Amino acid sequence: MSYGLIIGFQYYNYNANKTFFYFRNAGYNIDRLYLYALTCDALAYGILLSLLKLVKYWVSIF
């Protein structure tokens, strides 16, 4: 939740105008880019958390 708040605060208060025009001129939708970045980050977090739990389980067995 804090990660989303930080991104939202930064996006709306500091970089909204600059990044919006840069990506719009490049042909990208800024909302979709933020969604992709957040989705990739959440997937990476889930995968790393699962691997950590798996390693802890392996360590407890051996």
C-alpha atoms as a PDB file:
ATOM      1  CA  MET A   1       0.000   0.000   0.000  1.00  0.00           C
ATOM      2  CA  SER A   2       2.807   2.420   0.820  1.00  0.00           C
ATOM      3  CA  TYR A   3       4.477   1.677  -2.516  1.00  0.00           C
ATOM      4  CA  GLY A   4       1.318   2.695  -4.344  1.00  0.00           C
ATOM      5  CA  LEU A   5       0.981   5.862  -2.283  1.00  0.00           C
ATOM      6  CA  ILE A   6       4.570   6.859  -3.010  1.00  0.00           C
ATOM      7  CA  ILE A   7       4.118   6.315  -6.741  1.00  0.00           C
ATOM      8  CA  GLY A   8       0.826   8.216  -6.718  1.00  0.00           C
ATOM      9  CA  PHE A   9       2.280  11.119  -4.771  1.00  0.00           C
ATOM     10  CA  GLN A  10       5.288  11.354  -7.059  1.00  0.00           C
ATOM     11  CA  TYR A  11       3.191  11.010 -10.200  1.00  0.00           C
ATOM     12  CA  TYR A  12       0.530  13.570  -9.324  1.00  0.00           C
ATOM     13  CA  ASN A  13       2.715  16.159  -7.602  1.00  0.00           C
ATOM     14  CA  TYR A  14       6.104  16.129  -9.311  1.00  0.00           C
ATOM     15  CA  ASN A  15       6.317  14.359 -12.649  1.00  0.00           C
ATOM     16  CA  ALA A  16       2.782  14.348 -14.023  1.00  0.00           C
ATOM     17  CA  ASN A  17       3.196  17.010 -16.678  1.00  0.00           C
ATOM     18  CA  LYS A  18       6.706  16.064 -17.782  1.00  0.00           C
ATOM     19  CA  THR A  19       6.215  12.308 -17.993  1.00  0.00           C
ATOM     20  CA  PHE A  20       2.757  12.584 -19.480  1.00  0.00           C
ATOM     21  CA  PHE A  21       3.916  14.648 -22.436  1.00  0.00           C
ATOM     22  CA  TYR A  22       7.063  12.589 -22.956  1.00  0.00           C
ATOM     23  CA  PHE A  23       5.230   9.256 -23.145  1.00  0.00           C
ATOM     24  CA  ARG A  24       2.240  10.705 -24.998  1.00  0.00           C
ATOM     25  CA  ASN A  25       4.566  12.056 -27.696  1.00  0.00           C
ATOM     26  CA  ALA A  26       6.236   8.626 -27.838  1.00  0.00           C
ATOM     27  CA  GLY A  27       2.816   7.005 -28.335  1.00  0.00           C
ATOM     28  CA  TYR A  28       2.456   5.349 -24.904  1.00  0.00           C
ATOM     29  CA  ASN A  29      -0.408   5.615 -22.452  1.00  0.00           C
ATOM     30  CA  ILE A  30       1.039   6.727 -19.089  1.00  0.00           C
ATOM     31  CA  ASP A  31      -1.698   5.002 -17.062  1.00  0.00           C
ATOM     32  CA  ARG A  32      -0.979   1.710 -18.809  1.00  0.00           C
ATOM     33  CA  LEU A  33       2.774   2.093 -18.190  1.00  0.00           C
ATOM     34  CA  TYR A  34       2.188   2.641 -14.465  1.00  0.00           C
ATOM     35  CA  LEU A  35      -0.142  -0.365 -14.395  1.00  0.00           C
ATOM     36  CA  TYR A  36       2.447  -2.564 -16.122  1.00  0.00           C
ATOM     37  CA  ALA A  37       5.195  -1.410 -13.759  1.00  0.00           C
ATOM     38  CA  LEU A  38       3.035  -2.064 -10.685  1.00  0.00           C
ATOM     39  CA  THR A  39       1.965  -5.475 -12.014  1.00  0.00           C
ATOM     40  CA  CYS A  40       5.547  -6.526 -12.743  1.00  0.00           C
ATOM     41  CA  ASP A  41       6.625  -5.350  -9.295  1.00  0.00           C
ATOM     42  CA  ALA A  42       3.804  -7.282  -7.600  1.00  0.00           C
ATOM     43  CA  LEU A  43       4.648 -10.438  -9.567  1.00  0.00           C
ATOM     44  CA  ALA A  44       8.339 -10.141  -8.709  1.00  0.00           C
ATOM     45  CA  TYR A  45       7.439  -9.652  -5.033  1.00  0.00           C
ATOM     46  CA  GLY A  46       5.178 -12.713  -5.062  1.00  0.00           C
ATOM     47  CA  ILE A  47       7.785 -14.883  -6.765  1.00  0.00           C
ATOM     48  CA  LEU A  48      10.550 -13.793  -4.394  1.00  0.00           C
ATOM     49  CA  LEU A  49       8.318 -14.305  -1.368  1.00  0.00           C
ATOM     50  CA  SER A  50       7.411 -17.804  -2.568  1.00  0.00           C
ATOM     51  CA  LEU A  51      11.061 -18.669  -3.159  1.00  0.00           C
ATOM     52  CA  LEU A  52      11.975 -17.400   0.298  1.00  0.00           C
ATOM     53  CA  LYS A  53       9.308 -19.580   1.908  1.00  0.00           C
ATOM     54  CA  LEU A  54      10.479 -22.556  -0.150  1.00  0.00           C
ATOM     55  CA  VAL A  55      14.095 -22.054   0.942  1.00  0.00           C
ATOM     56  CA  LYS A  56      13.037 -21.739   4.580  1.00  0.00           C
ATOM     57  CA  TYR A  57      11.107 -24.995   4.240  1.00  0.00           C
ATOM     58  CA  TRP A  58      14.117 -26.744   2.677  1.00  0.00           C
ATOM     59  CA  VAL A  59      16.380 -25.475   5.447  1.00  0.00           C
ATOM     60  CA  SER A  60      14.001 -26.765   8.123  1.00  0.00           C
ATOM     61  CA  ILE A  61      13.984 -30.230   6.496  1.00  0.00           C
ATOM     62  CA  PHE A  62      17.748 -30.539   6.243  1.00  0.00           C
END
